[in-house]
C-alpha atoms as a PDB file:
ATOM      1  CA  MET A   1      33.356 148.636 127.862  1.00  0.00           C
ATOM      2  CA  LYS A   2      36.987 149.587 128.442  1.00  0.00           C
ATOM      3  CA  ILE A   3      38.633 148.126 131.540  1.00  0.00           C
ATOM      4  CA  THR A   4      41.737 149.794 132.959  1.00  0.00           C
ATOM      5  CA  HIS A   5      44.366 148.382 135.295  1.00  0.00           C
ATOM      6  CA  SER A   6      43.297 150.941 137.899  1.00  0.00           C
ATOM      7  CA  GLN A   7      40.124 148.889 138.233  1.00  0.00           C
ATOM      8  CA  LEU A   8      42.051 145.867 139.469  1.00  0.00           C
ATOM      9  CA  LYS A   9      41.038 145.077 143.038  1.00  0.00           C
ATOM     10  CA  PRO A  10      42.961 141.894 143.884  1.00  0.00           C
ATOM     11  CA  THR A  11      42.580 142.402 147.621  1.00  0.00           C
ATOM     12  CA  GLU A  12      38.788 142.184 147.432  1.00  0.00           C
ATOM     13  CA  SER A  13      38.706 138.551 146.376  1.00  0.00           C
ATOM     14  CA  ASN A  14      40.984 135.605 145.817  1.00  0.00           C
ATOM     15  CA  ILE A  15      41.407 134.602 142.196  1.00  0.00           C
ATOM     16  CA  ALA A  16      43.261 131.365 141.469  1.00  0.00           C
ATOM     17  CA  ILE A  17      44.800 130.401 138.149  1.00  0.00           C
ATOM     18  CA  ILE A  18      44.868 126.822 136.867  1.00  0.00           C
ATOM     19  CA  ILE A  19      47.326 125.902 134.120  1.00  0.00           C
ATOM     20  CA  LEU A  20      46.374 122.747 132.234  1.00  0.00           C
ATOM     21  CA  ALA A  21      49.540 120.868 131.228  1.00  0.00           C
ATOM     22  CA  ALA A  22      48.510 117.211 131.372  1.00  0.00           C
ATOM     23  CA  GLY A  23      48.309 116.314 127.687  1.00  0.00           C
ATOM     24  CA  ALA A  24      50.505 113.798 125.909  1.00  0.00           C
ATOM     25  CA  SER A  25      51.394 116.119 122.987  1.00  0.00           C
ATOM     26  CA  THR A  26      50.744 113.343 120.485  1.00  0.00           C
ATOM     27  CA  ARG A  27      50.682 115.737 117.521  1.00  0.00           C
ATOM     28  CA  MET A  28      54.009 117.238 118.580  1.00  0.00           C
ATOM     29  CA  GLY A  29      55.681 113.868 119.085  1.00  0.00           C
ATOM     30  CA  LYS A  30      57.332 114.942 122.357  1.00  0.00           C
ATOM     31  CA  PRO A  31      56.223 116.836 125.467  1.00  0.00           C
ATOM     32  CA  LYS A  32      55.452 120.354 124.252  1.00  0.00           C
ATOM     33  CA  GLN A  33      55.488 121.496 127.882  1.00  0.00           C
ATOM     34  CA  LEU A  34      59.292 121.208 127.726  1.00  0.00           C
ATOM     35  CA  LEU A  35      59.904 122.920 124.375  1.00  0.00           C
ATOM     36  CA  PRO A  36      62.464 125.740 124.738  1.00  0.00           C
ATOM     37  CA  TYR A  37      60.937 129.215 124.590  1.00  0.00           C
ATOM     38  CA  GLN A  38      62.414 132.578 125.598  1.00  0.00           C
ATOM     39  CA  GLY A  39      65.197 131.039 127.651  1.00  0.00           C
ATOM     40  CA  CYS A  40      63.049 128.472 129.458  1.00  0.00           C
ATOM     41  CA  SER A  41      60.408 125.867 128.635  1.00  0.00           C
ATOM     42  CA  LEU A  42      56.967 126.660 127.252  1.00  0.00           C
ATOM     43  CA  LEU A  43      55.406 125.520 130.531  1.00  0.00           C
ATOM     44  CA  ARG A  44      57.818 127.504 132.709  1.00  0.00           C
ATOM     45  CA  HIS A  45      57.126 130.555 130.558  1.00  0.00           C
ATOM     46  CA  THR A  46      53.385 130.186 131.230  1.00  0.00           C
ATOM     47  CA  ILE A  47      53.961 129.670 134.955  1.00  0.00           C
ATOM     48  CA  GLU A  48      56.130 132.792 135.184  1.00  0.00           C
ATOM     49  CA  LYS A  49      53.460 134.876 133.455  1.00  0.00           C
ATOM     50  CA  ALA A  50      50.842 133.497 135.844  1.00  0.00           C
ATOM     51  CA  MET A  51      53.027 134.189 138.884  1.00  0.00           C
ATOM     52  CA  ALA A  52      53.542 137.789 137.722  1.00  0.00           C
ATOM     53  CA  SER A  53      49.771 138.331 137.636  1.00  0.00           C
ATOM     54  CA  VAL A  54      47.444 139.166 140.533  1.00  0.00           C
ATOM     55  CA  CYS A  55      46.224 135.550 140.668  1.00  0.00           C
ATOM     56  CA  LYS A  56      47.019 133.341 143.648  1.00  0.00           C
ATOM     57  CA  PRO A  57      47.377 130.432 144.042  1.00  0.00           C
ATOM     58  CA  VAL A  58      48.969 129.176 140.830  1.00  0.00           C
ATOM     59  CA  VAL A  59      47.943 125.569 140.171  1.00  0.00           C
ATOM     60  CA  VAL A  60      49.529 123.375 137.488  1.00  0.00           C
ATOM     61  CA  VAL A  61      47.832 120.146 136.423  1.00  0.00           C
ATOM     62  CA  LEU A  62      50.195 117.457 135.136  1.00  0.00           C
ATOM     63  CA  GLY A  63      49.390 114.076 133.657  1.00  0.00           C
ATOM     64  CA  ALA A  64      51.311 112.483 130.787  1.00  0.00           C
ATOM     65  CA  ASN A  65      55.078 112.554 131.320  1.00  0.00           C
ATOM     66  CA  ALA A  66      54.518 114.040 134.775  1.00  0.00           C
ATOM     67  CA  GLN A  67      57.804 112.802 136.210  1.00  0.00           C
ATOM     68  CA  GLN A  68      59.744 114.217 133.288  1.00  0.00           C
ATOM     69  CA  ILE A  69      57.994 117.586 133.527  1.00  0.00           C
ATOM     70  CA  TYR A  70      57.847 117.931 137.315  1.00  0.00           C
ATOM     71  CA  SER A  71      61.187 119.718 137.651  1.00  0.00           C
ATOM     72  CA  GLU A  72      59.765 122.587 135.588  1.00  0.00           C
ATOM     73  CA  VAL A  73      57.113 123.312 138.199  1.00  0.00           C
ATOM     74  CA  ASN A  74      58.748 122.248 141.427  1.00  0.00           C
ATOM     75  CA  GLN A  75      58.754 125.532 143.345  1.00  0.00           C
ATOM     76  CA  PRO A  76      57.096 126.562 146.619  1.00  0.00           C
ATOM     77  CA  SER A  77      54.759 129.138 145.086  1.00  0.00           C
ATOM     78  CA  VAL A  78      53.192 126.643 142.662  1.00  0.00           C
ATOM     79  CA  THR A  79      50.701 123.929 143.568  1.00  0.00           C
ATOM     80  CA  VAL A  80      51.215 120.820 141.442  1.00  0.00           C
ATOM     81  CA  VAL A  81      48.310 118.454 140.883  1.00  0.00           C
ATOM     82  CA  GLU A  82      48.675 115.143 139.067  1.00  0.00           C
ATOM     83  CA  ASN A  83      45.658 113.964 137.105  1.00  0.00           C
ATOM     84  CA  PRO A  84      45.722 110.160 136.898  1.00  0.00           C
ATOM     85  CA  ASP A  85      42.907 110.261 134.333  1.00  0.00           C
ATOM     86  CA  TRP A  86      44.615 112.707 131.958  1.00  0.00           C
ATOM     87  CA  ASN A  87      44.151 110.309 129.039  1.00  0.00           C
ATOM     88  CA  LEU A  88      40.357 110.663 129.316  1.00  0.00           C
ATOM     89  CA  GLY A  89      40.460 114.274 128.148  1.00  0.00           C
ATOM     90  CA  MET A  90      40.718 117.911 129.169  1.00  0.00           C
ATOM     91  CA  GLY A  91      37.580 117.778 131.307  1.00  0.00           C
ATOM     92  CA  SER A  92      39.344 115.448 133.734  1.00  0.00           C
ATOM     93  CA  SER A  93      42.230 117.918 134.126  1.00  0.00           C
ATOM     94  CA  ILE A  94      39.857 120.815 134.735  1.00  0.00           C
ATOM     95  CA  ARG A  95      38.221 118.677 137.418  1.00  0.00           C
ATOM     96  CA  SER A  96      41.583 117.964 139.068  1.00  0.00           C
ATOM     97  CA  GLY A  97      42.483 121.641 139.119  1.00  0.00           C
ATOM     98  CA  ILE A  98      39.125 122.809 140.450  1.00  0.00           C
ATOM     99  CA  LEU A  99      38.984 120.150 143.168  1.00  0.00           C
ATOM    100  CA  SER A 100      42.472 121.112 144.334  1.00  0.00           C
ATOM    101  CA  LEU A 101      41.176 124.578 145.224  1.00  0.00           C
ATOM    102  CA  ALA A 102      39.083 123.044 148.010  1.00  0.00           C
ATOM    103  CA  THR A 103      42.297 122.497 149.990  1.00  0.00           C
ATOM    104  CA  CYS A 104      43.268 126.194 149.922  1.00  0.00           C
ATOM    105  CA  SER A 105      43.409 127.917 153.291  1.00  0.00           C
ATOM    106  CA  GLU A 106      41.384 130.853 151.953  1.00  0.00           C
ATOM    107  CA  THR A 107      38.110 130.861 150.060  1.00  0.00           C
ATOM    108  CA  ILE A 108      38.637 131.175 146.320  1.00  0.00           C
ATOM    109  CA  ASP A 109      36.216 133.612 144.714  1.00  0.00           C
ATOM    110  CA  ALA A 110      36.999 132.737 141.091  1.00  0.00           C
ATOM    111  CA  ALA A 111      39.522 130.893 138.965  1.00  0.00           C
ATOM    112  CA  VAL A 112      41.242 131.561 135.665  1.00  0.00           C
ATOM    113  CA  ILE A 113      41.690 128.457 133.532  1.00  0.00           C
ATOM    114  CA  THR A 114      44.437 128.516 130.938  1.00  0.00           C
ATOM    115  CA  VAL A 115      46.712 126.180 128.992  1.00  0.00           C
ATOM    116  CA  CYS A 116      50.463 125.828 128.664  1.00  0.00           C
ATOM    117  CA  ASP A 117      50.754 126.187 124.886  1.00  0.00           C
ATOM    118  CA  GLN A 118      49.623 129.782 124.228  1.00  0.00           C
ATOM    119  CA  PRO A 119      53.044 131.453 123.992  1.00  0.00           C
ATOM    120  CA  PHE A 120      51.679 135.002 123.929  1.00  0.00           C
ATOM    121  CA  ILE A 121      49.896 134.824 127.258  1.00  0.00           C
ATOM    122  CA  SER A 122      50.951 137.660 129.555  1.00  0.00           C
ATOM    123  CA  PRO A 123      50.337 138.990 133.065  1.00  0.00           C
ATOM    124  CA  GLU A 124      48.471 141.871 131.426  1.00  0.00           C
ATOM    125  CA  ILE A 125      45.977 139.533 129.742  1.00  0.00           C
ATOM    126  CA  ILE A 126      45.409 137.624 132.986  1.00  0.00           C
ATOM    127  CA  ASN A 127      45.020 140.831 134.987  1.00  0.00           C
ATOM    128  CA  HIS A 128      42.630 142.178 132.365  1.00  0.00           C
ATOM    129  CA  LEU A 129      40.354 139.172 132.989  1.00  0.00           C
ATOM    130  CA  VAL A 130      40.384 139.939 136.707  1.00  0.00           C
ATOM    131  CA  ALA A 131      39.787 143.656 136.137  1.00  0.00           C
ATOM    132  CA  ALA A 132      36.830 142.917 133.871  1.00  0.00           C
ATOM    133  CA  TYR A 133      35.405 140.500 136.438  1.00  0.00           C
ATOM    134  CA  HIS A 134      35.452 143.167 139.143  1.00  0.00           C
ATOM    135  CA  ALA A 135      34.295 146.009 136.900  1.00  0.00           C
ATOM    136  CA  THR A 136      31.423 144.282 135.105  1.00  0.00           C
ATOM    137  CA  GLY A 137      30.121 141.850 137.700  1.00  0.00           C
ATOM    138  CA  LYS A 138      29.931 139.200 134.988  1.00  0.00           C
ATOM    139  CA  PRO A 139      30.567 135.684 136.369  1.00  0.00           C
ATOM    140  CA  ILE A 140      32.489 134.526 133.291  1.00  0.00           C
ATOM    141  CA  VAL A 141      35.169 136.534 131.488  1.00  0.00           C
ATOM    142  CA  ALA A 142      36.650 134.915 128.394  1.00  0.00           C
ATOM    143  CA  CYS A 143      39.263 135.856 125.829  1.00  0.00           C
ATOM    144  CA  GLN A 144      38.083 136.547 122.302  1.00  0.00           C
ATOM    145  CA  TYR A 145      40.099 135.596 119.229  1.00  0.00           C
ATOM    146  CA  ALA A 146      39.425 134.164 115.775  1.00  0.00           C
ATOM    147  CA  ASP A 147      35.659 134.668 116.157  1.00  0.00           C
ATOM    148  CA  THR A 148      35.512 132.479 119.240  1.00  0.00           C
ATOM    149  CA  LEU A 149      35.626 132.738 123.020  1.00  0.00           C
ATOM    150  CA  GLY A 150      38.179 130.649 124.864  1.00  0.00           C
ATOM    151  CA  VAL A 151      41.060 130.389 127.284  1.00  0.00           C
ATOM    152  CA  PRO A 152      42.330 132.050 129.299  1.00  0.00           C
ATOM    153  CA  VAL A 153      38.886 132.279 130.873  1.00  0.00           C
ATOM    154  CA  LEU A 154      37.765 133.289 134.361  1.00  0.00           C
ATOM    155  CA  PHE A 155      34.890 131.541 136.151  1.00  0.00           C
ATOM    156  CA  LYS A 156      33.219 132.710 139.329  1.00  0.00           C
ATOM    157  CA  HIS A 157      33.147 130.067 142.082  1.00  0.00           C
ATOM    158  CA  ARG A 158      29.471 129.289 141.477  1.00  0.00           C
ATOM    159  CA  PHE A 159      30.562 127.406 138.362  1.00  0.00           C
ATOM    160  CA  PHE A 160      33.135 125.272 140.178  1.00  0.00           C
ATOM    161  CA  SER A 161      30.786 122.343 140.796  1.00  0.00           C
ATOM    162  CA  GLU A 162      29.780 122.302 137.134  1.00  0.00           C
ATOM    163  CA  LEU A 163      33.398 122.520 135.987  1.00  0.00           C
ATOM    164  CA  ALA A 164      34.251 119.620 138.304  1.00  0.00           C
ATOM    165  CA  THR A 165      31.597 117.442 136.696  1.00  0.00           C
ATOM    166  CA  LEU A 166      32.379 118.168 133.051  1.00  0.00           C
ATOM    167  CA  ASP A 167      32.483 115.218 130.710  1.00  0.00           C
ATOM    168  CA  GLU A 168      36.136 114.207 130.350  1.00  0.00           C
ATOM    169  CA  THR A 169      36.140 114.842 126.611  1.00  0.00           C
ATOM    170  CA  VAL A 170      35.031 118.483 126.720  1.00  0.00           C
ATOM    171  CA  GLY A 171      36.707 121.651 127.902  1.00  0.00           C
ATOM    172  CA  ALA A 172      35.695 124.930 129.490  1.00  0.00           C
ATOM    173  CA  LYS A 173      34.113 126.129 126.246  1.00  0.00           C
ATOM    174  CA  LYS A 174      31.040 124.021 127.016  1.00  0.00           C
ATOM    175  CA  ILE A 175      30.341 126.193 130.084  1.00  0.00           C
ATOM    176  CA  ILE A 176      31.119 129.384 128.141  1.00  0.00           C
ATOM    177  CA  ASN A 177      28.592 128.423 125.480  1.00  0.00           C
ATOM    178  CA  LYS A 178      25.960 127.279 127.961  1.00  0.00           C
ATOM    179  CA  TYR A 179      26.037 130.590 129.838  1.00  0.00           C
ATOM    180  CA  TYR A 180      26.833 132.802 126.863  1.00  0.00           C
ATOM    181  CA  ASN A 181      24.583 135.627 128.062  1.00  0.00           C
ATOM    182  CA  GLU A 182      26.586 135.843 131.301  1.00  0.00           C
ATOM    183  CA  VAL A 183      29.950 136.129 129.560  1.00  0.00           C
ATOM    184  CA  PHE A 184      32.040 139.275 129.174  1.00  0.00           C
ATOM    185  CA  SER A 185      34.829 139.070 126.619  1.00  0.00           C
ATOM    186  CA  ILE A 186      38.203 140.774 126.302  1.00  0.00           C
ATOM    187  CA  SER A 187      40.259 140.913 123.148  1.00  0.00           C
ATOM    188  CA  PHE A 188      43.320 138.658 122.903  1.00  0.00           C
ATOM    189  CA  PRO A 189      44.050 138.333 119.150  1.00  0.00           C
ATOM    190  CA  LEU A 190      47.266 136.358 119.714  1.00  0.00           C
ATOM    191  CA  GLY A 191      45.322 133.816 121.771  1.00  0.00           C
ATOM    192  CA  VAL A 192      44.550 132.067 118.494  1.00  0.00           C
ATOM    193  CA  ILE A 193      48.185 130.931 118.398  1.00  0.00           C
ATOM    194  CA  ASP A 194      48.861 127.693 120.223  1.00  0.00           C
ATOM    195  CA  ILE A 195      51.629 125.179 119.763  1.00  0.00           C
ATOM    196  CA  ASP A 196      50.313 121.748 118.795  1.00  0.00           C
ATOM    197  CA  THR A 197      52.559 120.539 115.964  1.00  0.00           C
ATOM    198  CA  PRO A 198      56.230 120.730 114.939  1.00  0.00           C
ATOM    199  CA  ARG A 199      55.192 123.232 112.257  1.00  0.00           C
ATOM    200  CA  ASP A 200      53.583 125.469 114.898  1.00  0.00           C
ATOM    201  CA  TYR A 201      56.790 125.375 116.898  1.00  0.00           C
ATOM    202  CA  GLN A 202      58.952 126.149 113.875  1.00  0.00           C
ATOM    203  CA  LYS A 203      56.840 129.257 113.270  1.00  0.00           C
ATOM    204  CA  LEU A 204      57.277 130.236 116.906  1.00  0.00           C
ATOM    205  CA  GLU A 205      61.043 129.850 116.649  1.00  0.00           C
ATOM    206  CA  LYS A 206      61.091 132.053 113.540  1.00  0.00           C
ATOM    207  CA  ASN A 207      59.080 134.660 115.414  1.00  0.00           C
ATOM    208  CA  GLN A 208      61.675 134.653 118.197  1.00  0.00           C
ATOM    209  CA  GLU A 209      64.246 135.405 115.535  1.00  0.00           C
ATOM    210  CA  GLY A 210      62.337 138.527 114.507  1.00  0.00           C
ATOM    211  CA  GLN A 211      59.908 137.223 111.897  1.00  0.00           C
ATOM    212  CA  GLU A 212      56.476 138.806 111.614  1.00  0.00           C
ATOM    213  CA  LEU A 213      53.551 137.455 113.623  1.00  0.00           C
ATOM    214  CA  ARG A 214      51.341 137.197 110.561  1.00  0.00           C
ATOM    215  CA  SER A 215      53.287 134.076 109.552  1.00  0.00           C
ATOM    216  CA  PHE A 216      51.320 132.257 112.275  1.00  0.00           C
ATOM    217  CA  ILE A 217      47.863 133.110 111.034  1.00  0.00           C
END
């Protein structure tokens, strides 16, 4: 099923976006949230793409190195949540982000969950998730890449309680797999690229200098 941007109906419901940025970047050896990318940091890049989408509010979950990273997200249009249990795993950060939505002045109909280390995320990809959600009626819309379904992923609010009680060591993919028959997928081939190691980042830097994307894969 082809979804077009004309099918976006952001005024009909409130879709939040939660950016998970609480990890310690142990494989990178330094906070990958702060790595320079396209004139800003990797995290700021992700935030700007989220802010340019139809999603509101934009929530960023910090954890490790929160004080060092905070200046990258300290702006009025972004809600910052600190996860004191970040070291327990991604599930704890998803919980922090989901629970923060309860304080919003308006009812949130659904939420997109994404991460801060997919450099090729774009407003178009995020908006495509929202468009597919409205057009198909499916309660979960996930990105498809490398023969898997993953983030960014949109969950209807009926999954919020389950997301908030995830085991700390698992991520959103557990819910995607559990409700596989209720999932609609959109193609995001470059979603397979994330920045976990110095080698990943070196490849990204080469790409910024005009190298071909296939060097990543």
